[in-house]
Amino acid sequence: MYAWWWRVLPGPWWVRVLISLLVAAGVVLFCFTVVFPAIADHLAINDGTVDGQ
């Protein structure tokens, strides 16, 4: 998959690295702004099992 990605990208190696970093940053941004808030209600991260009494 990574070899395919590298072959598909245009330009010299530094342009390919820059494009790859921008795409990776876009995927991370998409996950933090869309995906994670959408699934947060279905996760039991804040449900503690120890009472504070």
C-alpha atoms as a PDB file:
ATOM      1  CA  MET A   1       0.000   0.000   0.000  1.00  0.00           C
ATOM      2  CA  TYR A   2       2.784   2.437   0.860  1.00  0.00           C
ATOM      3  CA  ALA A   3       4.641   1.652  -2.371  1.00  0.00           C
ATOM      4  CA  TRP A   4       1.442   2.351  -4.305  1.00  0.00           C
ATOM      5  CA  TRP A   5       0.993   5.656  -2.438  1.00  0.00           C
ATOM      6  CA  TRP A   6       4.579   6.663  -3.203  1.00  0.00           C
ATOM      7  CA  ARG A   7       4.200   5.819  -6.920  1.00  0.00           C
ATOM      8  CA  VAL A   8       0.917   7.718  -7.260  1.00  0.00           C
ATOM      9  CA  LEU A   9       2.167  10.969  -5.744  1.00  0.00           C
ATOM     10  CA  PRO A  10       3.626  13.498  -8.190  1.00  0.00           C
ATOM     11  CA  GLY A  11       6.920  15.341  -7.948  1.00  0.00           C
ATOM     12  CA  PRO A  12      10.305  14.712  -6.382  1.00  0.00           C
ATOM     13  CA  TRP A  13      10.731  12.932  -3.061  1.00  0.00           C
ATOM     14  CA  TRP A  14      10.460  16.088  -0.928  1.00  0.00           C
ATOM     15  CA  VAL A  15       7.117  16.999  -2.524  1.00  0.00           C
ATOM     16  CA  ARG A  16       5.883  13.466  -1.886  1.00  0.00           C
ATOM     17  CA  VAL A  17       6.940  13.713   1.758  1.00  0.00           C
ATOM     18  CA  LEU A  18       5.190  17.075   2.108  1.00  0.00           C
ATOM     19  CA  ILE A  19       1.992  15.772   0.516  1.00  0.00           C
ATOM     20  CA  SER A  20       2.109  12.662   2.707  1.00  0.00           C
ATOM     21  CA  LEU A  21       2.507  14.776   5.862  1.00  0.00           C
ATOM     22  CA  LEU A  22      -0.387  17.032   4.827  1.00  0.00           C
ATOM     23  CA  VAL A  23      -2.632  14.040   4.150  1.00  0.00           C
ATOM     24  CA  ALA A  24      -1.677  12.467   7.493  1.00  0.00           C
ATOM     25  CA  ALA A  25      -2.417  15.741   9.296  1.00  0.00           C
ATOM     26  CA  GLY A  26      -5.767  15.941   7.509  1.00  0.00           C
ATOM     27  CA  VAL A  27      -6.673  12.412   8.576  1.00  0.00           C
ATOM     28  CA  VAL A  28      -5.766  13.186  12.204  1.00  0.00           C
ATOM     29  CA  LEU A  29      -7.768  16.419  12.106  1.00  0.00           C
ATOM     30  CA  PHE A  30     -10.760  14.594  10.603  1.00  0.00           C
ATOM     31  CA  CYS A  31     -10.574  11.935  13.318  1.00  0.00           C
ATOM     32  CA  PHE A  32     -10.426  14.472  16.156  1.00  0.00           C
ATOM     33  CA  THR A  33     -13.190  16.713  14.797  1.00  0.00           C
ATOM     34  CA  VAL A  34     -15.632  14.182  13.302  1.00  0.00           C
ATOM     35  CA  VAL A  35     -14.964  10.546  14.143  1.00  0.00           C
ATOM     36  CA  PHE A  36     -14.012  10.686  17.820  1.00  0.00           C
ATOM     37  CA  PRO A  37     -16.875  13.019  18.871  1.00  0.00           C
ATOM     38  CA  ALA A  38     -19.325  10.797  16.961  1.00  0.00           C
ATOM     39  CA  ILE A  39     -18.289   7.624  18.807  1.00  0.00           C
ATOM     40  CA  ALA A  40     -17.616   9.216  22.218  1.00  0.00           C
ATOM     41  CA  ASP A  41     -21.127   8.471  23.477  1.00  0.00           C
ATOM     42  CA  HIS A  42     -20.678   4.777  22.747  1.00  0.00           C
ATOM     43  CA  LEU A  43     -17.451   4.417  24.729  1.00  0.00           C
ATOM     44  CA  ALA A  44     -17.348   3.833  28.479  1.00  0.00           C
ATOM     45  CA  ILE A  45     -14.207   5.862  29.114  1.00  0.00           C
ATOM     46  CA  ASN A  46     -15.646   8.066  31.870  1.00  0.00           C
ATOM     47  CA  ASP A  47     -17.670   5.333  33.557  1.00  0.00           C
ATOM     48  CA  GLY A  48     -15.751   4.578  36.728  1.00  0.00           C
ATOM     49  CA  THR A  49     -16.251   1.352  38.623  1.00  0.00           C
ATOM     50  CA  VAL A  50     -15.038   2.609  42.009  1.00  0.00           C
ATOM     51  CA  ASP A  51     -17.347   4.736  44.165  1.00  0.00           C
ATOM     52  CA  GLY A  52     -15.950   7.762  45.958  1.00  0.00           C
ATOM     53  CA  GLN A  53     -17.577   6.867  49.292  1.00  0.00           C
END
